[in-house]
């Protein structure tokens, strides 16, 4: 049973778009840590050099 939000539902929630992008980047960084510990090569998004 999957009670999580899909991408469309997530971006329809109230809140600023940039806050949502920051949340996605943070989740990617957290997932990357786990995946790297499992030997996977990952490259999460980076907000460096932008206004995010």
PDB file of N, CA and C in Angstrom:
ATOM      1  N   UNK A   1       0.844  -1.185   0.000  1.00  0.00           N
ATOM      2  CA  UNK A   1       0.000   0.000   0.000  1.00  0.00           C
ATOM      3  C   UNK A   1       0.884   1.241   0.000  1.00  0.00           C
ATOM      4  N   UNK A   2       0.697   2.111  -0.976  1.00  0.00           N
ATOM      5  CA  UNK A   2       1.498   3.321  -1.108  1.00  0.00           C
ATOM      6  C   UNK A   2       0.612   4.526  -0.814  1.00  0.00           C
ATOM      7  N   UNK A   3       0.831   5.141   0.343  1.00  0.00           N
ATOM      8  CA  UNK A   3       0.038   6.314   0.713  1.00  0.00           C
ATOM      9  C   UNK A   3       0.807   7.605   0.483  1.00  0.00           C
ATOM     10  N   UNK A   4       1.971   7.527  -0.184  1.00  0.00           N
ATOM     11  CA  UNK A   4       2.782   8.711  -0.441  1.00  0.00           C
ATOM     12  C   UNK A   4       2.203   9.577  -1.539  1.00  0.00           C
ATOM     13  N   UNK A   5       2.711  10.784  -1.601  1.00  0.00           N
ATOM     14  CA  UNK A   5       2.277  11.722  -2.626  1.00  0.00           C
ATOM     15  C   UNK A   5       3.054  11.497  -3.912  1.00  0.00           C
ATOM     16  N   UNK A   6       2.378  11.654  -5.019  1.00  0.00           N
ATOM     17  CA  UNK A   6       3.054  11.664  -6.305  1.00  0.00           C
ATOM     18  C   UNK A   6       3.617  13.055  -6.554  1.00  0.00           C
ATOM     19  N   UNK A   7       4.386  13.186  -7.606  1.00  0.00           N
ATOM     20  CA  UNK A   7       5.003  14.480  -7.925  1.00  0.00           C
ATOM     21  C   UNK A   7       3.937  15.542  -8.157  1.00  0.00           C
ATOM     22  N   UNK A   8       2.907  15.198  -8.923  1.00  0.00           N
ATOM     23  CA  UNK A   8       1.865  16.187  -9.216  1.00  0.00           C
ATOM     24  C   UNK A   8       1.166  16.635  -7.941  1.00  0.00           C
ATOM     25  N   UNK A   9       0.831  15.679  -7.064  1.00  0.00           N
ATOM     26  CA  UNK A   9       0.157  16.028  -5.819  1.00  0.00           C
ATOM     27  C   UNK A   9       1.053  16.887  -4.936  1.00  0.00           C
ATOM     28  N   UNK A  10       2.358  16.550  -4.897  1.00  0.00           N
ATOM     29  CA  UNK A  10       3.307  17.317  -4.093  1.00  0.00           C
ATOM     30  C   UNK A  10       3.341  18.773  -4.525  1.00  0.00           C
ATOM     31  N   UNK A  11       3.424  19.015  -5.815  1.00  0.00           N
ATOM     32  CA  UNK A  11       3.540  20.387  -6.296  1.00  0.00           C
ATOM     33  C   UNK A  11       2.213  21.133  -6.291  1.00  0.00           C
ATOM     34  N   UNK A  12       1.104  20.438  -6.061  1.00  0.00           N
ATOM     35  CA  UNK A  12      -0.186  21.113  -5.912  1.00  0.00           C
ATOM     36  C   UNK A  12      -0.436  21.541  -4.463  1.00  0.00           C
ATOM     37  N   UNK A  13       0.374  21.042  -3.528  1.00  0.00           N
ATOM     38  CA  UNK A  13       0.227  21.445  -2.140  1.00  0.00           C
ATOM     39  C   UNK A  13       0.560  22.928  -1.992  1.00  0.00           C
ATOM     40  N   UNK A  14      -0.053  23.601  -1.014  1.00  0.00           N
ATOM     41  CA  UNK A  14       0.276  25.011  -0.794  1.00  0.00           C
ATOM     42  C   UNK A  14       1.745  25.176  -0.414  1.00  0.00           C
ATOM     43  N   UNK A  15       2.312  26.267  -0.814  1.00  0.00           N
ATOM     44  CA  UNK A  15       3.701  26.560  -0.472  1.00  0.00           C
ATOM     45  C   UNK A  15       4.444  27.100  -1.673  1.00  0.00           C
ATOM     46  N   UNK A  16       5.544  27.759  -1.391  1.00  0.00           N
ATOM     47  CA  UNK A  16       6.343  28.366  -2.446  1.00  0.00           C
ATOM     48  C   UNK A  16       7.070  27.291  -3.251  1.00  0.00           C
ATOM     49  N   UNK A  17       7.175  27.504  -4.531  1.00  0.00           N
ATOM     50  CA  UNK A  17       7.824  26.546  -5.427  1.00  0.00           C
ATOM     51  C   UNK A  17       9.271  26.291  -5.020  1.00  0.00           C
ATOM     52  N   UNK A  18      10.019  27.348  -4.695  1.00  0.00           N
ATOM     53  CA  UNK A  18      11.427  27.177  -4.326  1.00  0.00           C
ATOM     54  C   UNK A  18      11.584  26.363  -3.049  1.00  0.00           C
ATOM     55  N   UNK A  19      10.640  26.491  -2.124  1.00  0.00           N
ATOM     56  CA  UNK A  19      10.689  25.667  -0.912  1.00  0.00           C
ATOM     57  C   UNK A  19      10.528  24.193  -1.268  1.00  0.00           C
ATOM     58  N   UNK A  20       9.683  23.908  -2.237  1.00  0.00           N
ATOM     59  CA  UNK A  20       9.477  22.528  -2.667  1.00  0.00           C
ATOM     60  C   UNK A  20      10.719  21.980  -3.367  1.00  0.00           C
ATOM     61  N   UNK A  21      11.363  22.814  -4.155  1.00  0.00           N
ATOM     62  CA  UNK A  21      12.596  22.388  -4.829  1.00  0.00           C
ATOM     63  C   UNK A  21      13.666  22.097  -3.786  1.00  0.00           C
ATOM     64  N   UNK A  22      13.779  22.953  -2.770  1.00  0.00           N
ATOM     65  CA  UNK A  22      14.747  22.713  -1.696  1.00  0.00           C
ATOM     66  C   UNK A  22      14.457  21.393  -0.992  1.00  0.00           C
ATOM     67  N   UNK A  23      13.179  21.100  -0.776  1.00  0.00           N
ATOM     68  CA  UNK A  23      12.811  19.843  -0.119  1.00  0.00           C
ATOM     69  C   UNK A  23      13.215  18.645  -0.971  1.00  0.00           C
ATOM     70  N   UNK A  24      13.004  18.728  -2.276  1.00  0.00           N
ATOM     71  CA  UNK A  24      13.379  17.636  -3.179  1.00  0.00           C
ATOM     72  C   UNK A  24      14.891  17.431  -3.158  1.00  0.00           C
ATOM     73  N   UNK A  25      15.645  18.516  -3.189  1.00  0.00           N
ATOM     74  CA  UNK A  25      17.116  18.412  -3.161  1.00  0.00           C
ATOM     75  C   UNK A  25      17.567  17.777  -1.852  1.00  0.00           C
ATOM     76  N   UNK A  26      16.977  18.173  -0.743  1.00  0.00           N
ATOM     77  CA  UNK A  26      17.336  17.587   0.547  1.00  0.00           C
ATOM     78  C   UNK A  26      17.039  16.085   0.565  1.00  0.00           C
ATOM     79  N   UNK A  27      15.872  15.695   0.053  1.00  0.00           N
ATOM     80  CA  UNK A  27      15.528  14.273   0.015  1.00  0.00           C
ATOM     81  C   UNK A  27      16.488  13.494  -0.881  1.00  0.00           C
ATOM     82  N   UNK A  28      16.894  14.097  -1.987  1.00  0.00           N
ATOM     83  CA  UNK A  28      17.857  13.439  -2.872  1.00  0.00           C
ATOM     84  C   UNK A  28      19.195  13.236  -2.158  1.00  0.00           C
ATOM     85  N   UNK A  29      19.622  14.237  -1.397  1.00  0.00           N
ATOM     86  CA  UNK A  29      20.893  14.118  -0.673  1.00  0.00           C
ATOM     87  C   UNK A  29      20.814  13.019   0.382  1.00  0.00           C
ATOM     88  N   UNK A  30      19.675  12.927   1.059  1.00  0.00           N
ATOM     89  CA  UNK A  30      19.496  11.872   2.056  1.00  0.00           C
ATOM     90  C   UNK A  30      19.495  10.496   1.394  1.00  0.00           C
ATOM     91  N   UNK A  31      18.785  10.372   0.287  1.00  0.00           N
ATOM     92  CA  UNK A  31      18.740   9.098  -0.436  1.00  0.00           C
ATOM     93  C   UNK A  31      20.108   8.746  -1.002  1.00  0.00           C
ATOM     94  N   UNK A  32      20.866   9.744  -1.447  1.00  0.00           N
ATOM     95  CA  UNK A  32      22.192   9.497  -2.015  1.00  0.00           C
ATOM     96  C   UNK A  32      23.119   8.886  -0.976  1.00  0.00           C
ATOM     97  N   UNK A  33      23.018   9.343   0.257  1.00  0.00           N
ATOM     98  CA  UNK A  33      23.840   8.784   1.325  1.00  0.00           C
ATOM     99  C   UNK A  33      23.565   7.293   1.496  1.00  0.00           C
ATOM    100  N   UNK A  34      22.312   6.937   1.498  1.00  0.00           N
ATOM    101  CA  UNK A  34      21.926   5.526   1.646  1.00  0.00           C
ATOM    102  C   UNK A  34      22.390   4.717   0.447  1.00  0.00           C
ATOM    103  N   UNK A  35      22.149   5.240  -0.750  1.00  0.00           N
ATOM    104  CA  UNK A  35      22.517   4.500  -1.961  1.00  0.00           C
ATOM    105  C   UNK A  35      24.024   4.329  -2.080  1.00  0.00           C
ATOM    106  N   UNK A  36      24.786   5.342  -1.705  1.00  0.00           N
ATOM    107  CA  UNK A  36      26.249   5.222  -1.751  1.00  0.00           C
ATOM    108  C   UNK A  36      26.738   4.142  -0.788  1.00  0.00           C
ATOM    109  N   UNK A  37      26.090   4.042   0.370  1.00  0.00           N
ATOM    110  CA  UNK A  37      26.491   3.004   1.333  1.00  0.00           C
ATOM    111  C   UNK A  37      26.208   1.611   0.786  1.00  0.00           C
ATOM    112  N   UNK A  38      25.323   1.533  -0.194  1.00  0.00           N
ATOM    113  CA  UNK A  38      25.004   0.258  -0.847  1.00  0.00           C
ATOM    114  C   UNK A  38      25.824   0.042  -2.113  1.00  0.00           C
ATOM    115  N   UNK A  39      26.788   0.940  -2.354  1.00  0.00           N
ATOM    116  CA  UNK A  39      27.682   0.782  -3.494  1.00  0.00           C
ATOM    117  C   UNK A  39      27.164   1.349  -4.805  1.00  0.00           C
ATOM    118  N   UNK A  40      26.107   2.133  -4.754  1.00  0.00           N
ATOM    119  CA  UNK A  40      25.550   2.728  -5.971  1.00  0.00           C
ATOM    120  C   UNK A  40      26.236   4.062  -6.263  1.00  0.00           C
ATOM    121  N   UNK A  41      26.332   4.384  -7.536  1.00  0.00           N
ATOM    122  CA  UNK A  41      26.856   5.676  -7.946  1.00  0.00           C
ATOM    123  C   UNK A  41      25.670   6.617  -8.174  1.00  0.00           C
ATOM    124  N   UNK A  42      25.611   7.686  -7.421  1.00  0.00           N
ATOM    125  CA  UNK A  42      24.483   8.613  -7.516  1.00  0.00           C
ATOM    126  C   UNK A  42      24.982  10.044  -7.659  1.00  0.00           C
ATOM    127  N   UNK A  43      24.132  10.878  -8.219  1.00  0.00           N
ATOM    128  CA  UNK A  43      24.462  12.295  -8.385  1.00  0.00           C
ATOM    129  C   UNK A  43      23.206  13.141  -8.165  1.00  0.00           C
ATOM    130  N   UNK A  44      22.940  13.513  -6.902  1.00  0.00           N
ATOM    131  CA  UNK A  44      21.737  14.317  -6.636  1.00  0.00           C
ATOM    132  C   UNK A  44      21.868  15.711  -7.247  1.00  0.00           C
ATOM    133  N   UNK A  45      20.735  16.365  -7.397  1.00  0.00           N
ATOM    134  CA  UNK A  45      20.741  17.727  -7.900  1.00  0.00           C
ATOM    135  C   UNK A  45      21.572  18.611  -6.995  1.00  0.00           C
ATOM    136  N   UNK A  46      22.098  19.674  -7.565  1.00  0.00           N
ATOM    137  CA  UNK A  46      22.851  20.643  -6.803  1.00  0.00           C
ATOM    138  C   UNK A  46      22.247  22.015  -7.022  1.00  0.00           C
ATOM    139  N   UNK A  47      22.143  22.775  -5.967  1.00  0.00           N
ATOM    140  CA  UNK A  47      21.603  24.132  -6.061  1.00  0.00           C
ATOM    141  C   UNK A  47      22.732  25.161  -6.067  1.00  0.00           C
ATOM    142  N   UNK A  48      23.965  24.713  -6.029  1.00  0.00           N
ATOM    143  CA  UNK A  48      25.082  25.660  -6.000  1.00  0.00           C
ATOM    144  C   UNK A  48      25.133  26.461  -7.299  1.00  0.00           C
ATOM    145  N   UNK A  49      25.448  27.711  -7.151  1.00  0.00           N
ATOM    146  CA  UNK A  49      25.540  28.574  -8.309  1.00  0.00           C
ATOM    147  C   UNK A  49      24.206  29.093  -8.799  1.00  0.00           C
ATOM    148  N   UNK A  50      23.147  28.832  -8.019  1.00  0.00           N
ATOM    149  CA  UNK A  50      21.829  29.334  -8.398  1.00  0.00           C
ATOM    150  C   UNK A  50      21.217  30.058  -7.214  1.00  0.00           C
ATOM    151  N   UNK A  51      20.037  30.573  -7.385  1.00  0.00           N
ATOM    152  CA  UNK A  51      19.382  31.320  -6.319  1.00  0.00           C
ATOM    153  C   UNK A  51      18.524  30.431  -5.435  1.00  0.00           C
ATOM    154  N   UNK A  52      18.611  29.117  -5.612  1.00  0.00           N
ATOM    155  CA  UNK A  52      17.794  28.188  -4.811  1.00  0.00           C
ATOM    156  C   UNK A  52      18.393  28.024  -3.447  1.00  0.00           C
TER     157      UNK A  52
END
